[in-house]
Amino acid sequence: MQKSKILFSLTGIAAALLLSGCAANVTIIPGKANQYTAVATAAEENDANEASIKKATKVCADQGKRLQVTSRTTKYQGLEKSQKELISAATTVARAFSKKYVADTSTSVDDYKVEMNFECVTAK
């Protein structure tokens, strides 16, 4: 019975980690005349970029138009490498001595911030 509980818990944790790995938060800020800014944050730069493009494409498609990116900037705002290594090492030690799952908090869903300016233009 105990082994099945542990397996079930580990399966749930693995599923949560997989789902959170590609999570991104995107906010669309309207500007003037079909101009917008998409602001996306995620744990990985690629996830933030993909999420901003996906959301912007939908905004334009809902208007019967197509996306035209005018500019994009990416900023890393997470922990410094040495801080991440220290937290990961401490997590490893804590996991070795704990009977409960210990999360590695060296990454955050806000580590990368992408700001993408775009226009919705008439589809050709």
C-alpha atoms as a PDB file:
ATOM      1  CA  MET A   1       0.000   0.000   0.000  1.00  0.00           C
ATOM      2  CA  GLN A   2       2.803   2.460   0.896  1.00  0.00           C
ATOM      3  CA  LYS A   3       4.629   1.899  -2.425  1.00  0.00           C
ATOM      4  CA  SER A   4       1.491   2.685  -4.439  1.00  0.00           C
ATOM      5  CA  LYS A   5       1.001   5.929  -2.464  1.00  0.00           C
ATOM      6  CA  ILE A   6       4.577   6.985  -3.202  1.00  0.00           C
ATOM      7  CA  LEU A   7       4.230   6.104  -6.891  1.00  0.00           C
ATOM      8  CA  PHE A   8       0.957   8.043  -7.092  1.00  0.00           C
ATOM      9  CA  SER A   9       2.576  11.072  -5.400  1.00  0.00           C
ATOM     10  CA  LEU A  10       5.601  10.980  -7.687  1.00  0.00           C
ATOM     11  CA  THR A  11       3.360  10.700 -10.746  1.00  0.00           C
ATOM     12  CA  GLY A  12       1.385  13.751  -9.626  1.00  0.00           C
ATOM     13  CA  ILE A  13       4.548  15.742  -8.983  1.00  0.00           C
ATOM     14  CA  ALA A  14       5.989  14.793 -12.375  1.00  0.00           C
ATOM     15  CA  ALA A  15       2.774  15.835 -14.109  1.00  0.00           C
ATOM     16  CA  ALA A  16       2.752  19.174 -12.302  1.00  0.00           C
ATOM     17  CA  LEU A  17       6.363  19.822 -13.265  1.00  0.00           C
ATOM     18  CA  LEU A  18       5.696  19.013 -16.902  1.00  0.00           C
ATOM     19  CA  LEU A  19       2.707  21.320 -17.015  1.00  0.00           C
ATOM     20  CA  SER A  20       4.492  24.159 -15.254  1.00  0.00           C
ATOM     21  CA  GLY A  21       7.548  23.830 -17.494  1.00  0.00           C
ATOM     22  CA  CYS A  22       5.804  25.413 -20.439  1.00  0.00           C
ATOM     23  CA  ALA A  23       3.593  27.840 -18.548  1.00  0.00           C
ATOM     24  CA  ALA A  24       3.708  31.461 -19.582  1.00  0.00           C
ATOM     25  CA  ASN A  25       1.656  34.479 -18.580  1.00  0.00           C
ATOM     26  CA  VAL A  26       0.780  36.860 -21.410  1.00  0.00           C
ATOM     27  CA  THR A  27      -0.871  40.260 -21.208  1.00  0.00           C
ATOM     28  CA  ILE A  28      -1.932  42.179 -24.316  1.00  0.00           C
ATOM     29  CA  ILE A  29      -1.845  45.964 -24.008  1.00  0.00           C
ATOM     30  CA  PRO A  30      -3.743  47.840 -26.736  1.00  0.00           C
ATOM     31  CA  GLY A  31      -2.068  50.869 -28.272  1.00  0.00           C
ATOM     32  CA  LYS A  32      -3.210  53.162 -31.035  1.00  0.00           C
ATOM     33  CA  ALA A  33      -4.715  52.068 -34.362  1.00  0.00           C
ATOM     34  CA  ASN A  34      -4.195  48.282 -34.458  1.00  0.00           C
ATOM     35  CA  GLN A  35      -0.950  48.471 -32.468  1.00  0.00           C
ATOM     36  CA  TYR A  36      -0.413  46.348 -29.380  1.00  0.00           C
ATOM     37  CA  THR A  37       2.211  45.179 -26.918  1.00  0.00           C
ATOM     38  CA  ALA A  38       2.332  41.590 -25.699  1.00  0.00           C
ATOM     39  CA  VAL A  39       4.117  41.151 -22.375  1.00  0.00           C
ATOM     40  CA  ALA A  40       4.940  37.528 -21.551  1.00  0.00           C
ATOM     41  CA  THR A  41       6.767  35.980 -18.609  1.00  0.00           C
ATOM     42  CA  ALA A  42       7.912  32.377 -18.264  1.00  0.00           C
ATOM     43  CA  ALA A  43      10.601  30.195 -16.730  1.00  0.00           C
ATOM     44  CA  GLU A  44      12.175  29.704 -20.180  1.00  0.00           C
ATOM     45  CA  GLU A  45      12.834  32.354 -22.818  1.00  0.00           C
ATOM     46  CA  ASN A  46      11.485  30.197 -25.638  1.00  0.00           C
ATOM     47  CA  ASP A  47       8.199  29.636 -23.769  1.00  0.00           C
ATOM     48  CA  ALA A  48       7.724  33.385 -23.272  1.00  0.00           C
ATOM     49  CA  ASN A  49       8.450  34.064 -26.967  1.00  0.00           C
ATOM     50  CA  GLU A  50       6.114  31.333 -28.207  1.00  0.00           C
ATOM     51  CA  ALA A  51       3.312  32.381 -25.855  1.00  0.00           C
ATOM     52  CA  SER A  52       3.528  36.035 -26.910  1.00  0.00           C
ATOM     53  CA  ILE A  53       3.377  35.108 -30.603  1.00  0.00           C
ATOM     54  CA  LYS A  54       0.490  32.686 -30.061  1.00  0.00           C
ATOM     55  CA  LYS A  55      -1.588  35.226 -28.130  1.00  0.00           C
ATOM     56  CA  ALA A  56      -0.808  38.062 -30.562  1.00  0.00           C
ATOM     57  CA  THR A  57      -1.691  35.866 -33.544  1.00  0.00           C
ATOM     58  CA  LYS A  58      -5.071  35.120 -31.940  1.00  0.00           C
ATOM     59  CA  VAL A  59      -5.745  38.817 -31.258  1.00  0.00           C
ATOM     60  CA  CYS A  60      -5.175  39.608 -34.937  1.00  0.00           C
ATOM     61  CA  ALA A  61      -7.013  36.525 -36.235  1.00  0.00           C
ATOM     62  CA  ASP A  62     -10.068  37.501 -34.163  1.00  0.00           C
ATOM     63  CA  GLN A  63     -10.099  40.739 -36.197  1.00  0.00           C
ATOM     64  CA  GLY A  64      -9.675  38.907 -39.512  1.00  0.00           C
ATOM     65  CA  LYS A  65      -6.127  40.290 -39.769  1.00  0.00           C
ATOM     66  CA  ARG A  66      -2.608  38.908 -39.575  1.00  0.00           C
ATOM     67  CA  LEU A  67       0.190  39.511 -37.114  1.00  0.00           C
ATOM     68  CA  GLN A  68       3.104  41.772 -37.985  1.00  0.00           C
ATOM     69  CA  VAL A  69       5.787  41.995 -35.281  1.00  0.00           C
ATOM     70  CA  THR A  70       7.413  45.427 -35.143  1.00  0.00           C
ATOM     71  CA  SER A  71       9.873  44.853 -32.275  1.00  0.00           C
ATOM     72  CA  ARG A  72      10.716  42.427 -29.503  1.00  0.00           C
ATOM     73  CA  THR A  73      12.906  42.577 -26.408  1.00  0.00           C
ATOM     74  CA  THR A  74      13.789  39.842 -23.943  1.00  0.00           C
ATOM     75  CA  LYS A  75      15.012  40.400 -20.412  1.00  0.00           C
ATOM     76  CA  TYR A  76      16.272  37.798 -17.942  1.00  0.00           C
ATOM     77  CA  GLN A  77      15.068  38.794 -14.482  1.00  0.00           C
ATOM     78  CA  GLY A  78      15.692  35.588 -12.547  1.00  0.00           C
ATOM     79  CA  LEU A  79      18.394  34.640 -10.084  1.00  0.00           C
ATOM     80  CA  GLU A  80      22.084  34.932 -10.858  1.00  0.00           C
ATOM     81  CA  LYS A  81      23.811  31.688 -11.833  1.00  0.00           C
ATOM     82  CA  SER A  82      25.633  31.370  -8.485  1.00  0.00           C
ATOM     83  CA  GLN A  83      22.370  31.861  -6.564  1.00  0.00           C
ATOM     84  CA  LYS A  84      20.621  29.190  -8.670  1.00  0.00           C
ATOM     85  CA  GLU A  85      23.473  26.735  -8.044  1.00  0.00           C
ATOM     86  CA  LEU A  86      23.347  27.377  -4.290  1.00  0.00           C
ATOM     87  CA  ILE A  87      19.576  26.837  -4.143  1.00  0.00           C
ATOM     88  CA  SER A  88      19.809  23.678  -6.270  1.00  0.00           C
ATOM     89  CA  ALA A  89      22.545  22.279  -4.005  1.00  0.00           C
ATOM     90  CA  ALA A  90      20.527  23.079  -0.878  1.00  0.00           C
ATOM     91  CA  THR A  91      17.479  21.423  -2.460  1.00  0.00           C
ATOM     92  CA  THR A  92      19.488  18.269  -3.181  1.00  0.00           C
ATOM     93  CA  VAL A  93      20.651  18.093   0.437  1.00  0.00           C
ATOM     94  CA  ALA A  94      17.127  18.754   1.757  1.00  0.00           C
ATOM     95  CA  ARG A  95      15.713  16.007  -0.462  1.00  0.00           C
ATOM     96  CA  ALA A  96      18.288  13.554   0.859  1.00  0.00           C
ATOM     97  CA  PHE A  97      17.160  14.115   4.450  1.00  0.00           C
ATOM     98  CA  SER A  98      13.448  14.823   4.013  1.00  0.00           C
ATOM     99  CA  LYS A  99      10.650  12.301   3.805  1.00  0.00           C
ATOM    100  CA  LYS A 100       8.553  14.828   1.878  1.00  0.00           C
ATOM    101  CA  TYR A 101       9.066  16.267  -1.592  1.00  0.00           C
ATOM    102  CA  VAL A 102      11.210  19.410  -1.587  1.00  0.00           C
ATOM    103  CA  ALA A 103      10.700  21.720  -4.551  1.00  0.00           C
ATOM    104  CA  ASP A 104      13.632  23.310  -6.358  1.00  0.00           C
ATOM    105  CA  THR A 105      12.860  27.030  -6.275  1.00  0.00           C
ATOM    106  CA  SER A 106      15.863  28.145  -8.316  1.00  0.00           C
ATOM    107  CA  THR A 107      13.601  28.952 -11.278  1.00  0.00           C
ATOM    108  CA  SER A 108      10.421  30.973 -11.476  1.00  0.00           C
ATOM    109  CA  VAL A 109       7.637  31.492 -14.010  1.00  0.00           C
ATOM    110  CA  ASP A 110       8.838  35.105 -14.169  1.00  0.00           C
ATOM    111  CA  ASP A 111      12.511  34.429 -15.018  1.00  0.00           C
ATOM    112  CA  TYR A 112      12.164  35.713 -18.584  1.00  0.00           C
ATOM    113  CA  LYS A 113      10.136  38.707 -19.739  1.00  0.00           C
ATOM    114  CA  VAL A 114       9.388  39.273 -23.407  1.00  0.00           C
ATOM    115  CA  GLU A 115       7.867  42.499 -24.674  1.00  0.00           C
ATOM    116  CA  MET A 116       6.687  42.254 -28.250  1.00  0.00           C
ATOM    117  CA  ASN A 117       5.188  45.183 -30.141  1.00  0.00           C
ATOM    118  CA  PHE A 118       2.950  44.217 -33.023  1.00  0.00           C
ATOM    119  CA  GLU A 119       0.313  45.406 -35.435  1.00  0.00           C
ATOM    120  CA  CYS A 120      -2.707  43.649 -36.831  1.00  0.00           C
ATOM    121  CA  VAL A 121      -2.631  44.235 -40.581  1.00  0.00           C
ATOM    122  CA  THR A 122      -5.019  43.293 -43.372  1.00  0.00           C
ATOM    123  CA  ALA A 123      -4.476  39.690 -44.393  1.00  0.00           C
ATOM    124  CA  LYS A 124      -3.173  39.282 -47.951  1.00  0.00           C
END
